[in-house]
PDB file of N, CA and C in Angstrom:
ATOM      1  N   MET A   1     -16.079 -13.319  22.861  1.00  0.00           N
ATOM      2  CA  MET A   1     -17.110 -13.029  22.485  1.00  0.00           C
ATOM      3  C   MET A   1     -16.235 -12.378  20.670  1.00  0.00           C
ATOM      4  N   ALA A   2     -16.452 -12.369  19.770  1.00  0.00           N
ATOM      5  CA  ALA A   2     -15.277 -12.611  18.567  1.00  0.00           C
ATOM      6  C   ALA A   2     -15.924 -10.926  18.080  1.00  0.00           C
ATOM      7  N   LYS A   3     -14.583 -10.705  17.861  1.00  0.00           N
ATOM      8  CA  LYS A   3     -14.660  -9.490  17.023  1.00  0.00           C
ATOM      9  C   LYS A   3     -14.614  -9.384  15.536  1.00  0.00           C
ATOM     10  N   SER A   4     -16.099  -8.712  14.780  1.00  0.00           N
ATOM     11  CA  SER A   4     -15.797  -8.803  13.298  1.00  0.00           C
ATOM     12  C   SER A   4     -14.717  -7.707  12.750  1.00  0.00           C
ATOM     13  N   LYS A   5     -13.984  -8.297  11.860  1.00  0.00           N
ATOM     14  CA  LYS A   5     -13.402  -7.676  10.839  1.00  0.00           C
ATOM     15  C   LYS A   5     -13.807  -6.437  10.361  1.00  0.00           C
ATOM     16  N   GLY A   6     -13.045  -5.899  10.219  1.00  0.00           N
ATOM     17  CA  GLY A   6     -13.498  -4.170  10.618  1.00  0.00           C
ATOM     18  C   GLY A   6     -13.541  -3.636   8.621  1.00  0.00           C
ATOM     19  N   ILE A   7     -13.719  -2.935   8.109  1.00  0.00           N
ATOM     20  CA  ILE A   7     -14.041  -2.655   6.585  1.00  0.00           C
ATOM     21  C   ILE A   7     -12.805  -2.065   6.326  1.00  0.00           C
ATOM     22  N   ARG A   8     -12.261  -1.158   7.249  1.00  0.00           N
ATOM     23  CA  ARG A   8     -10.723  -0.188   7.224  1.00  0.00           C
ATOM     24  C   ARG A   8      -9.426  -1.175   7.190  1.00  0.00           C
ATOM     25  N   ILE A   9      -8.718  -1.693   6.495  1.00  0.00           N
ATOM     26  CA  ILE A   9      -7.706  -2.088   6.918  1.00  0.00           C
ATOM     27  C   ILE A   9      -6.342  -1.227   6.545  1.00  0.00           C
ATOM     28  N   GLN A  10      -4.699  -1.472   7.385  1.00  0.00           N
ATOM     29  CA  GLN A  10      -3.963  -1.650   7.199  1.00  0.00           C
ATOM     30  C   GLN A  10      -3.352  -2.193   5.903  1.00  0.00           C
ATOM     31  N   VAL A  11      -2.489  -1.123   5.047  1.00  0.00           N
ATOM     32  CA  VAL A  11      -1.950  -2.107   4.278  1.00  0.00           C
ATOM     33  C   VAL A  11      -0.819  -1.327   3.666  1.00  0.00           C
ATOM     34  N   ILE A  12       0.180  -2.021   3.223  1.00  0.00           N
ATOM     35  CA  ILE A  12       1.856  -1.949   2.877  1.00  0.00           C
ATOM     36  C   ILE A  12       1.999  -1.036   1.254  1.00  0.00           C
ATOM     37  N   LEU A  13       2.502  -0.889   0.940  1.00  0.00           N
ATOM     38  CA  LEU A  13       2.319  -0.237  -0.397  1.00  0.00           C
ATOM     39  C   LEU A  13       4.767  -0.293  -0.224  1.00  0.00           C
ATOM     40  N   GLU A  14       4.912  -1.569  -1.957  1.00  0.00           N
ATOM     41  CA  GLU A  14       6.032  -1.236  -1.907  1.00  0.00           C
ATOM     42  C   GLU A  14       6.239  -0.624  -2.862  1.00  0.00           C
ATOM     43  N   CYS A  15       7.687  -0.014  -4.057  1.00  0.00           N
ATOM     44  CA  CYS A  15       7.960   0.045  -4.687  1.00  0.00           C
ATOM     45  C   CYS A  15       8.231  -0.751  -5.636  1.00  0.00           C
ATOM     46  N   THR A  16       8.198  -0.442  -6.968  1.00  0.00           N
ATOM     47  CA  THR A  16       7.808  -1.642  -8.191  1.00  0.00           C
ATOM     48  C   THR A  16       8.706  -1.520  -8.882  1.00  0.00           C
ATOM     49  N   GLU A  17       9.837   0.037  -9.076  1.00  0.00           N
ATOM     50  CA  GLU A  17      10.684  -0.261  -9.406  1.00  0.00           C
ATOM     51  C   GLU A  17      11.960  -0.939  -8.856  1.00  0.00           C
ATOM     52  N   VAL A  18      12.484  -0.421  -7.830  1.00  0.00           N
ATOM     53  CA  VAL A  18      13.389  -1.142  -6.513  1.00  0.00           C
ATOM     54  C   VAL A  18      12.822  -2.116  -5.621  1.00  0.00           C
ATOM     55  N   PRO A  19      12.185  -2.814  -5.633  1.00  0.00           N
ATOM     56  CA  PRO A  19      11.690  -3.441  -4.860  1.00  0.00           C
ATOM     57  C   PRO A  19      12.922  -3.231  -3.497  1.00  0.00           C
ATOM     58  N   GLY A  20      11.820  -3.194  -1.973  1.00  0.00           N
ATOM     59  CA  GLY A  20      12.182  -2.712  -0.986  1.00  0.00           C
ATOM     60  C   GLY A  20      13.068  -1.490  -0.318  1.00  0.00           C
ATOM     61  N   SER A  21      13.309  -0.883  -1.505  1.00  0.00           N
ATOM     62  CA  SER A  21      13.703   0.818  -1.562  1.00  0.00           C
ATOM     63  C   SER A  21      12.721   1.837  -0.560  1.00  0.00           C
ATOM     64  N   SER A  22      11.598   1.614  -0.937  1.00  0.00           N
ATOM     65  CA  SER A  22      10.745   2.479  -0.241  1.00  0.00           C
ATOM     66  C   SER A  22       9.533   1.676  -0.108  1.00  0.00           C
ATOM     67  N   ARG A  23       8.958   1.654   0.831  1.00  0.00           N
ATOM     68  CA  ARG A  23       7.942   1.222   1.681  1.00  0.00           C
ATOM     69  C   ARG A  23       6.054   2.285   2.915  1.00  0.00           C
ATOM     70  N   TYR A  24       5.830   2.540   2.162  1.00  0.00           N
ATOM     71  CA  TYR A  24       4.893   3.183   2.815  1.00  0.00           C
ATOM     72  C   TYR A  24       3.436   2.210   3.418  1.00  0.00           C
ATOM     73  N   VAL A  25       3.249   2.892   4.950  1.00  0.00           N
ATOM     74  CA  VAL A  25       2.305   2.073   5.141  1.00  0.00           C
ATOM     75  C   VAL A  25       0.653   2.776   5.187  1.00  0.00           C
ATOM     76  N   THR A  26      -0.700   2.571   4.507  1.00  0.00           N
ATOM     77  CA  THR A  26      -1.262   3.215   4.942  1.00  0.00           C
ATOM     78  C   THR A  26      -2.510   2.795   4.793  1.00  0.00           C
ATOM     79  N   THR A  27      -3.847   3.357   5.153  1.00  0.00           N
ATOM     80  CA  THR A  27      -4.867   2.368   5.023  1.00  0.00           C
ATOM     81  C   THR A  27      -6.194   2.279   3.778  1.00  0.00           C
ATOM     82  N   LYS A  28      -6.999   1.233   3.757  1.00  0.00           N
ATOM     83  CA  LYS A  28      -7.650   0.988   2.826  1.00  0.00           C
ATOM     84  C   LYS A  28      -9.431   0.534   3.132  1.00  0.00           C
ATOM     85  N   SER A  29     -10.319   1.206   1.885  1.00  0.00           N
ATOM     86  CA  SER A  29     -11.381   0.320   2.512  1.00  0.00           C
ATOM     87  C   SER A  29     -11.866  -1.079   2.025  1.00  0.00           C
ATOM     88  N   ARG A  30     -12.268  -1.762   2.281  1.00  0.00           N
ATOM     89  CA  ARG A  30     -12.227  -3.485   2.005  1.00  0.00           C
ATOM     90  C   ARG A  30     -13.194  -3.613   0.597  1.00  0.00           C
ATOM     91  N   ARG A  31     -14.379  -2.502   1.042  1.00  0.00           N
ATOM     92  CA  ARG A  31     -15.571  -2.786   0.111  1.00  0.00           C
ATOM     93  C   ARG A  31     -15.735  -1.968  -0.996  1.00  0.00           C
ATOM     94  N   ASN A  32     -14.691  -0.639  -1.189  1.00  0.00           N
ATOM     95  CA  ASN A  32     -14.795   0.361  -2.180  1.00  0.00           C
ATOM     96  C   ASN A  32     -13.441  -0.124  -2.704  1.00  0.00           C
ATOM     97  N   THR A  33     -12.873  -0.722  -2.286  1.00  0.00           N
ATOM     98  CA  THR A  33     -11.356  -1.087  -3.269  1.00  0.00           C
ATOM     99  C   THR A  33     -10.639  -2.798  -2.951  1.00  0.00           C
ATOM    100  N   PRO A  34     -11.683  -3.520  -3.537  1.00  0.00           N
ATOM    101  CA  PRO A  34     -11.230  -4.963  -2.813  1.00  0.00           C
ATOM    102  C   PRO A  34     -10.120  -6.103  -3.792  1.00  0.00           C
ATOM    103  N   ASN A  35     -10.068  -5.410  -4.993  1.00  0.00           N
ATOM    104  CA  ASN A  35      -8.429  -5.094  -5.377  1.00  0.00           C
ATOM    105  C   ASN A  35      -6.820  -4.758  -4.456  1.00  0.00           C
ATOM    106  N   ARG A  36      -5.954  -5.117  -5.024  1.00  0.00           N
ATOM    107  CA  ARG A  36      -4.268  -4.237  -4.719  1.00  0.00           C
ATOM    108  C   ARG A  36      -4.733  -3.533  -5.319  1.00  0.00           C
ATOM    109  N   MET A  37      -4.526  -2.263  -4.405  1.00  0.00           N
ATOM    110  CA  MET A  37      -4.089  -0.560  -4.413  1.00  0.00           C
ATOM    111  C   MET A  37      -2.903  -0.164  -5.130  1.00  0.00           C
ATOM    112  N   GLU A  38      -2.826   1.066  -6.519  1.00  0.00           N
ATOM    113  CA  GLU A  38      -1.716   1.108  -6.447  1.00  0.00           C
ATOM    114  C   GLU A  38      -1.533   2.422  -6.884  1.00  0.00           C
ATOM    115  N   LEU A  39      -0.475   3.246  -5.742  1.00  0.00           N
ATOM    116  CA  LEU A  39      -0.761   4.470  -6.635  1.00  0.00           C
ATOM    117  C   LEU A  39       0.625   5.332  -6.550  1.00  0.00           C
ATOM    118  N   ARG A  40       1.272   6.404  -6.645  1.00  0.00           N
ATOM    119  CA  ARG A  40       2.700   6.879  -7.256  1.00  0.00           C
ATOM    120  C   ARG A  40       2.600   7.857  -6.296  1.00  0.00           C
ATOM    121  N   LYS A  41       4.046   7.381  -5.370  1.00  0.00           N
ATOM    122  CA  LYS A  41       4.455   7.719  -4.424  1.00  0.00           C
ATOM    123  C   LYS A  41       5.983   8.324  -4.710  1.00  0.00           C
ATOM    124  N   TYR A  42       6.519   9.298  -3.911  1.00  0.00           N
ATOM    125  CA  TYR A  42       7.809   9.989  -3.620  1.00  0.00           C
ATOM    126  C   TYR A  42       8.547   8.766  -3.008  1.00  0.00           C
ATOM    127  N   ASN A  43       9.709   8.187  -4.097  1.00  0.00           N
ATOM    128  CA  ASN A  43      11.138   7.300  -3.776  1.00  0.00           C
ATOM    129  C   ASN A  43      12.303   8.202  -2.864  1.00  0.00           C
ATOM    130  N   PRO A  44      12.078   8.412  -1.802  1.00  0.00           N
ATOM    131  CA  PRO A  44      13.873   9.097  -1.254  1.00  0.00           C
ATOM    132  C   PRO A  44      15.159   8.688  -2.016  1.00  0.00           C
ATOM    133  N   VAL A  45      14.793   7.287  -1.725  1.00  0.00           N
ATOM    134  CA  VAL A  45      16.525   6.911  -2.734  1.00  0.00           C
ATOM    135  C   VAL A  45      16.519   7.066  -3.553  1.00  0.00           C
ATOM    136  N   LEU A  46      15.000   7.029  -4.983  1.00  0.00           N
ATOM    137  CA  LEU A  46      15.234   7.189  -6.404  1.00  0.00           C
ATOM    138  C   LEU A  46      14.928   9.120  -6.506  1.00  0.00           C
ATOM    139  N   ARG A  47      15.121   9.119  -5.084  1.00  0.00           N
ATOM    140  CA  ARG A  47      14.351  11.024  -5.764  1.00  0.00           C
ATOM    141  C   ARG A  47      13.610  11.286  -6.454  1.00  0.00           C
ATOM    142  N   LYS A  48      12.436  10.592  -7.069  1.00  0.00           N
ATOM    143  CA  LYS A  48      11.299  10.768  -7.333  1.00  0.00           C
ATOM    144  C   LYS A  48      10.328   9.913  -7.553  1.00  0.00           C
ATOM    145  N   HIS A  49       9.199  10.144  -8.051  1.00  0.00           N
ATOM    146  CA  HIS A  49       7.989   9.457  -7.987  1.00  0.00           C
ATOM    147  C   HIS A  49       7.662   8.472  -8.876  1.00  0.00           C
ATOM    148  N   THR A  50       7.470   7.069  -7.779  1.00  0.00           N
ATOM    149  CA  THR A  50       6.957   6.372  -8.956  1.00  0.00           C
ATOM    150  C   THR A  50       6.278   4.875  -8.214  1.00  0.00           C
ATOM    151  N   VAL A  51       5.566   4.516  -9.088  1.00  0.00           N
ATOM    152  CA  VAL A  51       4.161   3.414  -8.774  1.00  0.00           C
ATOM    153  C   VAL A  51       4.613   2.082  -7.533  1.00  0.00           C
ATOM    154  N   HIS A  52       3.672   2.199  -6.422  1.00  0.00           N
ATOM    155  CA  HIS A  52       3.775   1.346  -5.236  1.00  0.00           C
ATOM    156  C   HIS A  52       2.398   0.756  -5.482  1.00  0.00           C
ATOM    157  N   LYS A  53       2.783  -0.189  -4.915  1.00  0.00           N
ATOM    158  CA  LYS A  53       1.721  -1.766  -5.037  1.00  0.00           C
ATOM    159  C   LYS A  53       1.564  -2.107  -3.523  1.00  0.00           C
ATOM    160  N   GLU A  54       0.352  -2.888  -3.237  1.00  0.00           N
ATOM    161  CA  GLU A  54      -0.053  -3.722  -2.070  1.00  0.00           C
ATOM    162  C   GLU A  54       0.623  -5.111  -2.080  1.00  0.00           C
ATOM    163  N   ILE A  55       1.436  -4.806  -0.685  1.00  0.00           N
ATOM    164  CA  ILE A  55       1.630  -6.398  -0.866  1.00  0.00           C
ATOM    165  C   ILE A  55       1.260  -6.560   0.133  1.00  0.00           C
ATOM    166  N   LYS A  56       0.915  -8.375   0.427  1.00  0.00           N
ATOM    167  CA  LYS A  56       0.658  -8.931   1.127  1.00  0.00           C
ATOM    168  C   LYS A  56       1.508  -9.663   2.515  1.00  0.00           C
TER     169      LYS A  56
END
């Protein structure tokens, strides 16, 4: 029996200012946010809040 894809999926958010310096894992709804997510999260390397974008 094939398992259907769930509505909520796990995504990785990566810092845009210094790529590779900070990553976060979160979940999003395919139905509500079909496009790539973009959130302001804390970057401990830079010690400030920066824009983090979803990567595949």
